[in-house]
PDB file of all heavy atoms in Angstrom:
ATOM      1  N   ILE A   1       0.838  -1.242   0.006  1.00  0.00           N
ATOM      2  CA  ILE A   1      -0.004   0.020  -0.005  1.00  0.00           C
ATOM      3  C   ILE A   1       0.878   1.266   0.007  1.00  0.00           C
ATOM      4  O   ILE A   1       0.623   2.176  -0.758  1.00  0.00           O
ATOM      5  CB  ILE A   1      -0.926   0.048   1.230  1.00  0.00           C
ATOM      6  CG1 ILE A   1      -1.889  -1.218   1.073  1.00  0.00           C
ATOM      7  CG2 ILE A   1      -1.703   1.273   1.340  1.00  0.00           C
ATOM      8  CD1 ILE A   1      -2.771  -1.377   2.231  1.00  0.00           C
ATOM      9  N   GLY A   2       1.941   1.242   0.814  1.00  0.00           N
ATOM     10  CA  GLY A   2       2.856   2.405   0.839  1.00  0.00           C
ATOM     11  C   GLY A   2       3.588   2.552  -0.495  1.00  0.00           C
ATOM     12  O   GLY A   2       3.798   3.609  -0.982  1.00  0.00           O
ATOM     13  N   GLU A   3       3.881   1.427  -1.122  1.00  0.00           N
ATOM     14  CA  GLU A   3       4.539   1.489  -2.492  1.00  0.00           C
ATOM     15  C   GLU A   3       3.708   2.084  -3.517  1.00  0.00           C
ATOM     16  O   GLU A   3       4.199   2.729  -4.457  1.00  0.00           O
ATOM     17  CB  GLU A   3       4.978   0.070  -2.871  1.00  0.00           C
ATOM     18  CG  GLU A   3       6.099  -0.565  -2.034  1.00  0.00           C
ATOM     19  CD  GLU A   3       6.322  -2.026  -2.268  1.00  0.00           C
ATOM     20  OE1 GLU A   3       5.710  -2.469  -3.263  1.00  0.00           O
ATOM     21  OE2 GLU A   3       7.020  -2.623  -1.548  1.00  0.00           O
ATOM     22  N   HIS A   4       2.386   1.969  -3.421  1.00  0.00           N
ATOM     23  CA  HIS A   4       1.478   2.453  -4.429  1.00  0.00           C
ATOM     24  C   HIS A   4       0.903   3.807  -4.098  1.00  0.00           C
ATOM     25  O   HIS A   4      -0.048   4.312  -4.821  1.00  0.00           O
ATOM     26  CB  HIS A   4       0.287   1.483  -4.652  1.00  0.00           C
ATOM     27  CG  HIS A   4       0.745   0.168  -5.376  1.00  0.00           C
ATOM     28  ND1 HIS A   4       1.394  -0.809  -4.748  1.00  0.00           N
ATOM     29  CD2 HIS A   4       0.593  -0.227  -6.664  1.00  0.00           C
ATOM     30  CE1 HIS A   4       1.607  -1.816  -5.586  1.00  0.00           C
ATOM     31  NE2 HIS A   4       1.160  -1.457  -6.729  1.00  0.00           N
ATOM     32  N   HIS A   5       1.406   4.479  -3.027  1.00  0.00           N
ATOM     33  CA  HIS A   5       0.699   5.599  -2.452  1.00  0.00           C
ATOM     34  C   HIS A   5       0.315   6.653  -3.503  1.00  0.00           C
ATOM     35  O   HIS A   5      -0.852   7.027  -3.711  1.00  0.00           O
ATOM     36  CB  HIS A   5       1.568   6.285  -1.407  1.00  0.00           C
ATOM     37  CG  HIS A   5       1.011   7.528  -0.825  1.00  0.00           C
ATOM     38  ND1 HIS A   5       1.083   8.795  -1.426  1.00  0.00           N
ATOM     39  CD2 HIS A   5       0.223   7.771   0.288  1.00  0.00           C
ATOM     40  CE1 HIS A   5       0.411   9.681  -0.732  1.00  0.00           C
ATOM     41  NE2 HIS A   5      -0.060   9.066   0.378  1.00  0.00           N
ATOM     42  N   GLY A   6       1.304   7.171  -4.259  1.00  0.00           N
ATOM     43  CA  GLY A   6       1.089   8.256  -5.187  1.00  0.00           C
ATOM     44  C   GLY A   6       0.065   7.868  -6.253  1.00  0.00           C
ATOM     45  O   GLY A   6      -0.754   8.583  -6.709  1.00  0.00           O
ATOM     46  N   LEU A   7       0.188   6.610  -6.805  1.00  0.00           N
ATOM     47  CA  LEU A   7      -0.672   6.084  -7.851  1.00  0.00           C
ATOM     48  C   LEU A   7      -2.107   5.847  -7.397  1.00  0.00           C
ATOM     49  O   LEU A   7      -2.968   5.702  -8.224  1.00  0.00           O
ATOM     50  CB  LEU A   7      -0.078   4.760  -8.407  1.00  0.00           C
ATOM     51  CG  LEU A   7       1.311   4.907  -9.023  1.00  0.00           C
ATOM     52  CD1 LEU A   7       1.813   3.557  -9.452  1.00  0.00           C
ATOM     53  CD2 LEU A   7       1.406   5.887 -10.163  1.00  0.00           C
ATOM     54  N   LEU A   8      -2.319   5.772  -6.073  1.00  0.00           N
ATOM     55  CA  LEU A   8      -3.617   5.569  -5.516  1.00  0.00           C
ATOM     56  C   LEU A   8      -4.439   6.805  -5.474  1.00  0.00           C
ATOM     57  O   LEU A   8      -5.638   6.830  -5.193  1.00  0.00           O
ATOM     58  CB  LEU A   8      -3.579   4.898  -4.187  1.00  0.00           C
ATOM     59  CG  LEU A   8      -3.167   3.374  -4.230  1.00  0.00           C
ATOM     60  CD1 LEU A   8      -2.853   2.900  -2.756  1.00  0.00           C
ATOM     61  CD2 LEU A   8      -4.265   2.516  -4.794  1.00  0.00           C
ATOM     62  N   GLN A   9      -3.761   7.928  -5.661  1.00  0.00           N
ATOM     63  CA  GLN A   9      -4.344   9.316  -5.880  1.00  0.00           C
ATOM     64  C   GLN A   9      -5.312   9.620  -4.693  1.00  0.00           C
ATOM     65  O   GLN A   9      -6.446   9.963  -4.938  1.00  0.00           O
ATOM     66  CB  GLN A   9      -5.089   9.324  -7.184  1.00  0.00           C
ATOM     67  CG  GLN A   9      -4.152   9.139  -8.358  1.00  0.00           C
ATOM     68  CD  GLN A   9      -4.812   9.190  -9.716  1.00  0.00           C
ATOM     69  OE1 GLN A   9      -5.425  10.165 -10.073  1.00  0.00           O
ATOM     70  NE2 GLN A   9      -4.716   8.123 -10.499  1.00  0.00           N
ATOM     71  N   GLY A  10      -4.853   9.456  -3.516  1.00  0.00           N
ATOM     72  CA  GLY A  10      -5.645   9.945  -2.385  1.00  0.00           C
ATOM     73  C   GLY A  10      -6.550   8.924  -1.707  1.00  0.00           C
ATOM     74  O   GLY A  10      -7.230   9.205  -0.681  1.00  0.00           O
ATOM     75  N   LEU A  11      -6.591   7.712  -2.167  1.00  0.00           N
ATOM     76  CA  LEU A  11      -7.441   6.651  -1.595  1.00  0.00           C
ATOM     77  C   LEU A  11      -7.045   6.333  -0.242  1.00  0.00           C
ATOM     78  O   LEU A  11      -7.858   6.010   0.671  1.00  0.00           O
ATOM     79  CB  LEU A  11      -7.518   5.422  -2.497  1.00  0.00           C
ATOM     80  CG  LEU A  11      -8.288   5.456  -3.738  1.00  0.00           C
ATOM     81  CD1 LEU A  11      -8.026   4.315  -4.594  1.00  0.00           C
ATOM     82  CD2 LEU A  11      -9.734   5.760  -3.447  1.00  0.00           C
ATOM     83  N   ILE A  12      -5.692   6.373   0.089  1.00  0.00           N
ATOM     84  CA  ILE A  12      -5.235   6.079   1.446  1.00  0.00           C
ATOM     85  C   ILE A  12      -5.772   7.161   2.373  1.00  0.00           C
ATOM     86  O   ILE A  12      -6.299   6.743   3.442  1.00  0.00           O
ATOM     87  CB  ILE A  12      -3.708   5.982   1.445  1.00  0.00           C
ATOM     88  CG1 ILE A  12      -3.184   4.839   0.564  1.00  0.00           C
ATOM     89  CG2 ILE A  12      -3.252   5.823   2.886  1.00  0.00           C
ATOM     90  CD1 ILE A  12      -1.621   4.861   0.426  1.00  0.00           C
ATOM     91  N   GLU A  13      -5.636   8.391   2.029  1.00  0.00           N
ATOM     92  CA  GLU A  13      -6.106   9.398   2.834  1.00  0.00           C
ATOM     93  C   GLU A  13      -7.675   9.336   3.021  1.00  0.00           C
ATOM     94  O   GLU A  13      -8.124   9.592   4.184  1.00  0.00           O
ATOM     95  CB  GLU A  13      -5.707  10.826   2.188  1.00  0.00           C
ATOM     96  CG  GLU A  13      -4.288  11.131   2.407  1.00  0.00           C
ATOM     97  CD  GLU A  13      -3.377  10.401   1.451  1.00  0.00           C
ATOM     98  OE1 GLU A  13      -3.823   9.709   0.512  1.00  0.00           O
ATOM     99  OE2 GLU A  13      -2.153  10.429   1.646  1.00  0.00           O
ATOM    100  N   THR A  14      -8.327   9.113   1.979  1.00  0.00           N
ATOM    101  CA  THR A  14      -9.783   9.076   1.979  1.00  0.00           C
ATOM    102  C   THR A  14     -10.299   7.889   2.846  1.00  0.00           C
ATOM    103  O   THR A  14     -11.252   8.032   3.608  1.00  0.00           O
ATOM    104  CB  THR A  14     -10.359   9.023   0.549  1.00  0.00           C
ATOM    105  OG1 THR A  14      -9.940  10.209  -0.150  1.00  0.00           O
ATOM    106  CG2 THR A  14     -11.910   8.987   0.593  1.00  0.00           C
ATOM    107  N   CYS A  15      -9.672   6.720   2.616  1.00  0.00           N
ATOM    108  CA  CYS A  15     -10.314   5.505   3.192  1.00  0.00           C
ATOM    109  C   CYS A  15      -9.827   5.209   4.593  1.00  0.00           C
ATOM    110  O   CYS A  15     -10.566   4.561   5.377  1.00  0.00           O
ATOM    111  CB  CYS A  15     -10.001   4.388   2.277  1.00  0.00           C
ATOM    112  SG  CYS A  15     -10.771   4.516   0.623  1.00  0.00           S
ATOM    113  N   ILE A  16      -8.565   5.487   4.963  1.00  0.00           N
ATOM    114  CA  ILE A  16      -8.063   4.968   6.262  1.00  0.00           C
ATOM    115  C   ILE A  16      -7.423   5.919   7.198  1.00  0.00           C
ATOM    116  O   ILE A  16      -7.167   5.718   8.340  1.00  0.00           O
ATOM    117  CB  ILE A  16      -7.100   3.820   6.017  1.00  0.00           C
ATOM    118  CG1 ILE A  16      -5.798   4.348   5.380  1.00  0.00           C
ATOM    119  CG2 ILE A  16      -7.787   2.686   5.219  1.00  0.00           C
ATOM    120  CD1 ILE A  16      -4.727   3.234   5.390  1.00  0.00           C
ATOM    121  N   ARG A  17      -7.216   7.196   6.660  1.00  0.00           N
ATOM    122  CA  ARG A  17      -6.465   8.209   7.460  1.00  0.00           C
ATOM    123  C   ARG A  17      -7.161   8.459   8.852  1.00  0.00           C
ATOM    124  O   ARG A  17      -6.556   8.475   9.913  1.00  0.00           O
ATOM    125  CB  ARG A  17      -6.313   9.495   6.734  1.00  0.00           C
ATOM    126  CG  ARG A  17      -5.508  10.590   7.575  1.00  0.00           C
ATOM    127  CD  ARG A  17      -5.251  11.818   6.748  1.00  0.00           C
ATOM    128  NE  ARG A  17      -6.444  12.341   6.160  1.00  0.00           N
ATOM    129  CZ  ARG A  17      -6.476  13.391   5.355  1.00  0.00           C
ATOM    130  NH1 ARG A  17      -5.312  13.972   5.012  1.00  0.00           N
ATOM    131  NH2 ARG A  17      -7.618  13.904   4.880  1.00  0.00           N
ATOM    132  N   ASN A  18      -8.456   8.603   8.787  1.00  0.00           N
ATOM    133  CA  ASN A  18      -9.205   8.978  10.022  1.00  0.00           C
ATOM    134  C   ASN A  18      -9.502   7.693  10.846  1.00  0.00           C
ATOM    135  O   ASN A  18      -9.471   7.724  12.132  1.00  0.00           O
ATOM    136  CB  ASN A  18     -10.495   9.630   9.646  1.00  0.00           C
ATOM    137  CG  ASN A  18     -10.321  10.993   9.034  1.00  0.00           C
ATOM    138  OD1 ASN A  18      -9.245  11.662   9.341  1.00  0.00           O
ATOM    139  ND2 ASN A  18     -11.174  11.448   8.264  1.00  0.00           N
ATOM    140  N   ASP A  19      -9.782   6.583  10.214  1.00  0.00           N
ATOM    141  CA  ASP A  19     -10.278   5.385  10.921  1.00  0.00           C
ATOM    142  C   ASP A  19      -9.063   4.542  11.470  1.00  0.00           C
ATOM    143  O   ASP A  19      -9.248   3.838  12.487  1.00  0.00           O
ATOM    144  CB  ASP A  19     -11.147   4.491  10.114  1.00  0.00           C
ATOM    145  CG  ASP A  19     -12.501   5.155   9.756  1.00  0.00           C
ATOM    146  OD1 ASP A  19     -12.935   6.024  10.560  1.00  0.00           O
ATOM    147  OD2 ASP A  19     -13.056   4.840   8.679  1.00  0.00           O
ATOM    148  N   TYR A  20      -8.002   4.618  10.819  1.00  0.00           N
ATOM    149  CA  TYR A  20      -6.766   3.858  11.223  1.00  0.00           C
ATOM    150  C   TYR A  20      -5.555   4.835  11.176  1.00  0.00           C
ATOM    151  O   TYR A  20      -4.615   4.623  10.516  1.00  0.00           O
ATOM    152  CB  TYR A  20      -6.516   2.768  10.172  1.00  0.00           C
ATOM    153  CG  TYR A  20      -7.682   1.798  10.000  1.00  0.00           C
ATOM    154  CD1 TYR A  20      -8.658   2.039   8.990  1.00  0.00           C
ATOM    155  CD2 TYR A  20      -7.905   0.677  10.802  1.00  0.00           C
ATOM    156  CE1 TYR A  20      -9.777   1.186   8.729  1.00  0.00           C
ATOM    157  CE2 TYR A  20      -9.008  -0.172  10.610  1.00  0.00           C
ATOM    158  CZ  TYR A  20      -9.844   0.092   9.570  1.00  0.00           C
ATOM    159  OH  TYR A  20     -10.969  -0.729   9.420  1.00  0.00           O
ATOM    160  N   PRO A  21      -5.545   5.804  12.145  1.00  0.00           N
ATOM    161  CA  PRO A  21      -4.435   6.770  12.159  1.00  0.00           C
ATOM    162  C   PRO A  21      -3.031   6.229  12.324  1.00  0.00           C
ATOM    163  O   PRO A  21      -2.114   6.677  11.699  1.00  0.00           O
ATOM    164  CB  PRO A  21      -4.846   7.736  13.295  1.00  0.00           C
ATOM    165  CG  PRO A  21      -5.752   6.918  14.133  1.00  0.00           C
ATOM    166  CD  PRO A  21      -6.488   6.004  13.170  1.00  0.00           C
ATOM    167  N   GLU A  22      -2.893   5.272  13.144  1.00  0.00           N
ATOM    168  CA  GLU A  22      -1.577   4.678  13.476  1.00  0.00           C
ATOM    169  C   GLU A  22      -1.089   3.937  12.213  1.00  0.00           C
ATOM    170  O   GLU A  22       0.110   4.005  11.821  1.00  0.00           O
ATOM    171  CB  GLU A  22      -1.599   3.713  14.606  1.00  0.00           C
ATOM    172  CG  GLU A  22      -1.872   4.449  15.990  1.00  0.00           C
ATOM    173  CD  GLU A  22      -1.807   3.529  17.193  1.00  0.00           C
ATOM    174  OE1 GLU A  22      -1.524   2.346  16.994  1.00  0.00           O
ATOM    175  OE2 GLU A  22      -2.037   3.966  18.258  1.00  0.00           O
ATOM    176  N   ASP A  23      -2.041   3.048  11.591  1.00  0.00           N
ATOM    177  CA  ASP A  23      -1.636   2.357  10.387  1.00  0.00           C
ATOM    178  C   ASP A  23      -1.285   3.374   9.289  1.00  0.00           C
ATOM    179  O   ASP A  23      -0.346   3.169   8.450  1.00  0.00           O
ATOM    180  CB  ASP A  23      -2.702   1.430   9.944  1.00  0.00           C
ATOM    181  CG  ASP A  23      -2.931   0.286  10.918  1.00  0.00           C
ATOM    182  OD1 ASP A  23      -1.912  -0.349  11.279  1.00  0.00           O
ATOM    183  OD2 ASP A  23      -4.025   0.023  11.377  1.00  0.00           O
ATOM    184  N   TYR A  24      -2.083   4.398   9.198  1.00  0.00           N
ATOM    185  CA  TYR A  24      -1.854   5.429   8.253  1.00  0.00           C
ATOM    186  C   TYR A  24      -0.421   6.008   8.355  1.00  0.00           C
ATOM    187  O   TYR A  24       0.243   6.177   7.240  1.00  0.00           O
ATOM    188  CB  TYR A  24      -2.887   6.607   8.325  1.00  0.00           C
ATOM    189  CG  TYR A  24      -2.575   7.745   7.344  1.00  0.00           C
ATOM    190  CD1 TYR A  24      -2.820   7.619   5.953  1.00  0.00           C
ATOM    191  CD2 TYR A  24      -2.112   8.983   7.932  1.00  0.00           C
ATOM    192  CE1 TYR A  24      -2.574   8.710   5.183  1.00  0.00           C
ATOM    193  CE2 TYR A  24      -1.908  10.011   7.058  1.00  0.00           C
ATOM    194  CZ  TYR A  24      -2.137   9.876   5.759  1.00  0.00           C
ATOM    195  OH  TYR A  24      -1.816  10.926   4.864  1.00  0.00           O
ATOM    196  N   GLN A  25      -0.048   6.364   9.532  1.00  0.00           N
ATOM    197  CA  GLN A  25       1.325   6.914   9.703  1.00  0.00           C
ATOM    198  C   GLN A  25       2.413   5.958   9.263  1.00  0.00           C
ATOM    199  O   GLN A  25       3.458   6.297   8.762  1.00  0.00           O
ATOM    200  CB  GLN A  25       1.563   7.315  11.158  1.00  0.00           C
ATOM    201  CG  GLN A  25       0.742   8.568  11.556  1.00  0.00           C
ATOM    202  CD  GLN A  25       0.979   9.803  10.664  1.00  0.00           C
ATOM    203  OE1 GLN A  25       2.144   9.994  10.244  1.00  0.00           O
ATOM    204  NE2 GLN A  25      -0.049  10.557  10.314  1.00  0.00           N
TER     205      GLN A  25
END
């Protein structure tokens, strides 16, 4: 997931940043 970050175009931020803050970091 980290490797694909830029190509996911914000999906990481949209889908898990708020619900899984530690995993997001």
